[in-house]
Amino acid sequence: MKKLVKAFDELPWILKIILALPVVDGLAWGIYRVAKGLSKNDFLLIIIGIVWIVGGIFIFWLIDLITILLYQKPTIFV
């Protein structure tokens, strides 16, 4: 899981933006959050990742897009 998280963290900025677009965001960044939660043993982050997989398609993609533009990474806690 740590390799997956590291791979997502090291993606170029433009690719992170592309992955934050509707439909793709739910899968890509939802899986990233679940993997990050598993690697850190963070139950809350795992739950957020699962919710992100479903909700990322509809509304959460906008949050990821904004945080990637501002902070260079998708984050829910700034």
N, C-alpha and C. Protein backbone atom coordinates (compact mmCIF):
# COMPACT_ATOMS: atom_id res chain seq x y z
N MET A 1 0.81 -1.20 0.00
CA MET A 1 0.00 0.00 0.00
C MET A 1 0.86 1.27 0.00
N LYS A 2 1.98 1.20 0.69
CA LYS A 2 2.84 2.39 0.76
C LYS A 2 3.39 2.75 -0.62
N LYS A 3 3.65 1.74 -1.46
CA LYS A 3 4.14 2.01 -2.81
C LYS A 3 3.08 2.70 -3.65
N LEU A 4 1.83 2.29 -3.47
CA LEU A 4 0.73 2.92 -4.21
C LEU A 4 0.57 4.37 -3.80
N VAL A 5 0.61 4.63 -2.51
CA VAL A 5 0.49 6.00 -2.00
C VAL A 5 1.65 6.84 -2.50
N LYS A 6 2.85 6.29 -2.46
CA LYS A 6 4.03 7.03 -2.94
C LYS A 6 3.92 7.32 -4.44
N ALA A 7 3.42 6.35 -5.20
CA ALA A 7 3.25 6.55 -6.64
C ALA A 7 2.27 7.67 -6.93
N PHE A 8 1.15 7.71 -6.20
CA PHE A 8 0.18 8.79 -6.38
C PHE A 8 0.76 10.14 -5.94
N ASP A 9 1.51 10.15 -4.85
CA ASP A 9 2.11 11.39 -4.37
C ASP A 9 3.13 11.96 -5.35
N GLU A 10 3.80 11.10 -6.10
CA GLU A 10 4.84 11.54 -7.02
C GLU A 10 4.35 11.81 -8.44
N LEU A 11 3.05 11.71 -8.66
CA LEU A 11 2.50 12.00 -9.99
C LEU A 11 2.73 13.47 -10.35
N PRO A 12 2.92 13.74 -11.63
CA PRO A 12 3.03 15.15 -12.05
C PRO A 12 1.73 15.90 -11.76
N TRP A 13 1.86 17.18 -11.54
CA TRP A 13 0.73 18.03 -11.16
C TRP A 13 -0.41 17.95 -12.17
N ILE A 14 -0.10 17.97 -13.45
CA ILE A 14 -1.14 17.96 -14.48
C ILE A 14 -1.88 16.63 -14.48
N LEU A 15 -1.20 15.54 -14.21
CA LEU A 15 -1.86 14.23 -14.14
C LEU A 15 -2.78 14.15 -12.92
N LYS A 16 -2.38 14.78 -11.83
CA LYS A 16 -3.25 14.83 -10.64
C LYS A 16 -4.53 15.59 -10.96
N ILE A 17 -4.42 16.65 -11.73
CA ILE A 17 -5.61 17.42 -12.13
C ILE A 17 -6.52 16.57 -13.01
N ILE A 18 -5.93 15.84 -13.94
CA ILE A 18 -6.73 14.99 -14.82
C ILE A 18 -7.45 13.91 -14.00
N LEU A 19 -6.78 13.36 -13.01
CA LEU A 19 -7.41 12.35 -12.16
C LEU A 19 -8.48 12.95 -11.24
N ALA A 20 -8.53 14.26 -11.12
CA ALA A 20 -9.53 14.91 -10.28
C ALA A 20 -10.80 15.28 -11.04
N LEU A 21 -10.87 14.93 -12.30
CA LEU A 21 -12.07 15.24 -13.09
C LEU A 21 -13.20 14.27 -12.72
N PRO A 22 -14.45 14.67 -12.99
CA PRO A 22 -15.59 13.83 -12.60
C PRO A 22 -15.46 12.40 -13.10
N VAL A 23 -16.01 11.49 -12.37
CA VAL A 23 -16.03 10.04 -12.58
C VAL A 23 -14.67 9.41 -12.28
N VAL A 24 -13.60 9.91 -12.87
CA VAL A 24 -12.27 9.37 -12.61
C VAL A 24 -11.86 9.63 -11.17
N ASP A 25 -12.25 10.78 -10.63
CA ASP A 25 -11.87 11.17 -9.28
C ASP A 25 -12.33 10.16 -8.25
N GLY A 26 -13.55 9.73 -8.36
CA GLY A 26 -14.08 8.79 -7.37
C GLY A 26 -13.25 7.53 -7.26
N LEU A 27 -12.83 7.01 -8.38
CA LEU A 27 -12.03 5.79 -8.35
C LEU A 27 -10.59 6.07 -7.96
N ALA A 28 -9.95 6.99 -8.64
CA ALA A 28 -8.52 7.23 -8.42
C ALA A 28 -8.22 7.73 -7.01
N TRP A 29 -8.81 8.84 -6.64
CA TRP A 29 -8.48 9.43 -5.34
C TRP A 29 -9.19 8.73 -4.19
N GLY A 30 -10.29 8.05 -4.46
CA GLY A 30 -10.93 7.22 -3.43
C GLY A 30 -10.03 6.05 -3.06
N ILE A 31 -9.49 5.38 -4.07
CA ILE A 31 -8.56 4.27 -3.83
C ILE A 31 -7.30 4.77 -3.14
N TYR A 32 -6.83 5.95 -3.54
CA TYR A 32 -5.65 6.55 -2.90
C TYR A 32 -5.91 6.76 -1.40
N ARG A 33 -7.08 7.28 -1.06
CA ARG A 33 -7.38 7.53 0.35
C ARG A 33 -7.51 6.24 1.14
N VAL A 34 -8.11 5.21 0.55
CA VAL A 34 -8.22 3.92 1.23
C VAL A 34 -6.82 3.34 1.45
N ALA A 35 -5.98 3.37 0.42
CA ALA A 35 -4.62 2.85 0.53
C ALA A 35 -3.81 3.63 1.58
N LYS A 36 -3.96 4.95 1.58
CA LYS A 36 -3.25 5.77 2.57
C LYS A 36 -3.74 5.46 3.98
N GLY A 37 -5.04 5.28 4.13
CA GLY A 37 -5.59 4.92 5.44
C GLY A 37 -5.10 3.57 5.91
N LEU A 38 -5.01 2.60 5.01
CA LEU A 38 -4.50 1.27 5.37
C LEU A 38 -3.03 1.32 5.75
N SER A 39 -2.25 2.12 5.02
CA SER A 39 -0.81 2.20 5.33
C SER A 39 -0.55 2.93 6.65
N LYS A 40 -1.45 3.84 7.02
CA LYS A 40 -1.29 4.59 8.28
C LYS A 40 -2.12 4.00 9.42
N ASN A 41 -2.89 2.94 9.14
CA ASN A 41 -3.82 2.38 10.12
C ASN A 41 -4.79 3.43 10.63
N ASP A 42 -5.30 4.25 9.72
CA ASP A 42 -6.22 5.34 10.04
C ASP A 42 -7.63 4.96 9.57
N PHE A 43 -8.46 4.53 10.51
CA PHE A 43 -9.80 4.05 10.19
C PHE A 43 -10.65 5.14 9.55
N LEU A 44 -10.55 6.37 10.03
CA LEU A 44 -11.33 7.47 9.49
C LEU A 44 -10.99 7.72 8.02
N LEU A 45 -9.73 7.68 7.67
CA LEU A 45 -9.31 7.89 6.29
C LEU A 45 -9.80 6.76 5.38
N ILE A 46 -9.85 5.55 5.90
CA ILE A 46 -10.38 4.42 5.13
C ILE A 46 -11.86 4.65 4.83
N ILE A 47 -12.62 5.08 5.84
CA ILE A 47 -14.05 5.36 5.65
C ILE A 47 -14.24 6.51 4.66
N ILE A 48 -13.45 7.56 4.80
CA ILE A 48 -13.54 8.69 3.87
C ILE A 48 -13.24 8.23 2.45
N GLY A 49 -12.26 7.36 2.29
CA GLY A 49 -11.92 6.83 0.97
C GLY A 49 -13.06 6.04 0.35
N ILE A 50 -13.72 5.23 1.16
CA ILE A 50 -14.86 4.44 0.66
C ILE A 50 -16.00 5.36 0.26
N VAL A 51 -16.28 6.36 1.07
CA VAL A 51 -17.34 7.33 0.74
C VAL A 51 -16.93 8.11 -0.51
N TRP A 52 -15.64 8.41 -0.66
CA TRP A 52 -15.15 9.17 -1.81
C TRP A 52 -15.34 8.41 -3.11
N ILE A 53 -15.20 7.08 -3.05
CA ILE A 53 -15.39 6.26 -4.25
C ILE A 53 -16.80 6.44 -4.79
N VAL A 54 -17.78 6.51 -3.90
CA VAL A 54 -19.18 6.68 -4.32
C VAL A 54 -19.49 8.14 -4.63
N GLY A 55 -19.14 9.04 -3.73
CA GLY A 55 -19.49 10.45 -3.87
C GLY A 55 -18.58 11.25 -4.78
N GLY A 56 -17.39 10.74 -5.06
CA GLY A 56 -16.45 11.47 -5.91
C GLY A 56 -16.97 11.68 -7.32
N ILE A 57 -17.82 10.78 -7.74
CA ILE A 57 -18.39 10.87 -9.08
C ILE A 57 -19.31 12.09 -9.18
N PHE A 58 -19.97 12.44 -8.10
CA PHE A 58 -21.00 13.46 -8.15
C PHE A 58 -20.54 14.85 -7.70
N ILE A 59 -19.92 14.95 -6.53
CA ILE A 59 -19.61 16.28 -5.99
C ILE A 59 -18.19 16.39 -5.43
N PHE A 60 -17.64 15.33 -4.86
CA PHE A 60 -16.35 15.43 -4.20
C PHE A 60 -15.20 15.71 -5.16
N TRP A 61 -15.39 15.47 -6.46
CA TRP A 61 -14.34 15.74 -7.42
C TRP A 61 -13.96 17.22 -7.41
N LEU A 62 -14.94 18.07 -7.14
CA LEU A 62 -14.68 19.51 -7.10
C LEU A 62 -13.75 19.88 -5.94
N ILE A 63 -13.94 19.23 -4.80
CA ILE A 63 -13.06 19.46 -3.65
C ILE A 63 -11.63 19.05 -3.99
N ASP A 64 -11.49 17.88 -4.61
CA ASP A 64 -10.15 17.43 -5.00
C ASP A 64 -9.50 18.37 -6.00
N LEU A 65 -10.26 18.80 -6.97
CA LEU A 65 -9.72 19.70 -7.99
C LEU A 65 -9.21 21.00 -7.36
N ILE A 66 -9.98 21.57 -6.46
CA ILE A 66 -9.59 22.82 -5.80
C ILE A 66 -8.36 22.61 -4.92
N THR A 67 -8.34 21.52 -4.14
CA THR A 67 -7.18 21.31 -3.26
C THR A 67 -5.92 20.97 -4.04
N ILE A 68 -6.05 20.30 -5.18
CA ILE A 68 -4.87 20.03 -6.01
C ILE A 68 -4.34 21.33 -6.60
N LEU A 69 -5.23 22.20 -7.04
CA LEU A 69 -4.79 23.48 -7.59
C LEU A 69 -4.12 24.35 -6.52
N LEU A 70 -4.62 24.30 -5.30
CA LEU A 70 -4.08 25.14 -4.23
C LEU A 70 -2.87 24.53 -3.52
N TYR A 71 -2.92 23.22 -3.24
CA TYR A 71 -1.92 22.59 -2.38
C TYR A 71 -1.10 21.49 -3.06
N GLN A 72 -1.32 21.27 -4.35
CA GLN A 72 -0.59 20.26 -5.12
C GLN A 72 -0.91 18.82 -4.73
N LYS A 73 -1.92 18.59 -3.89
CA LYS A 73 -2.32 17.24 -3.52
C LYS A 73 -3.77 17.25 -3.08
N PRO A 74 -4.46 16.13 -3.26
CA PRO A 74 -5.85 16.07 -2.79
C PRO A 74 -5.87 15.89 -1.29
N THR A 75 -6.58 16.71 -0.63
CA THR A 75 -6.65 16.62 0.82
C THR A 75 -8.02 17.05 1.31
N ILE A 76 -8.45 16.47 2.38
CA ILE A 76 -9.71 16.88 2.97
C ILE A 76 -9.43 17.72 4.22
N PHE A 77 -8.26 17.51 4.80
CA PHE A 77 -7.84 18.28 5.98
C PHE A 77 -6.67 19.16 5.59
N VAL A 78 -6.91 20.46 5.49
CA VAL A 78 -5.85 21.38 5.06
C VAL A 78 -5.09 21.88 6.26
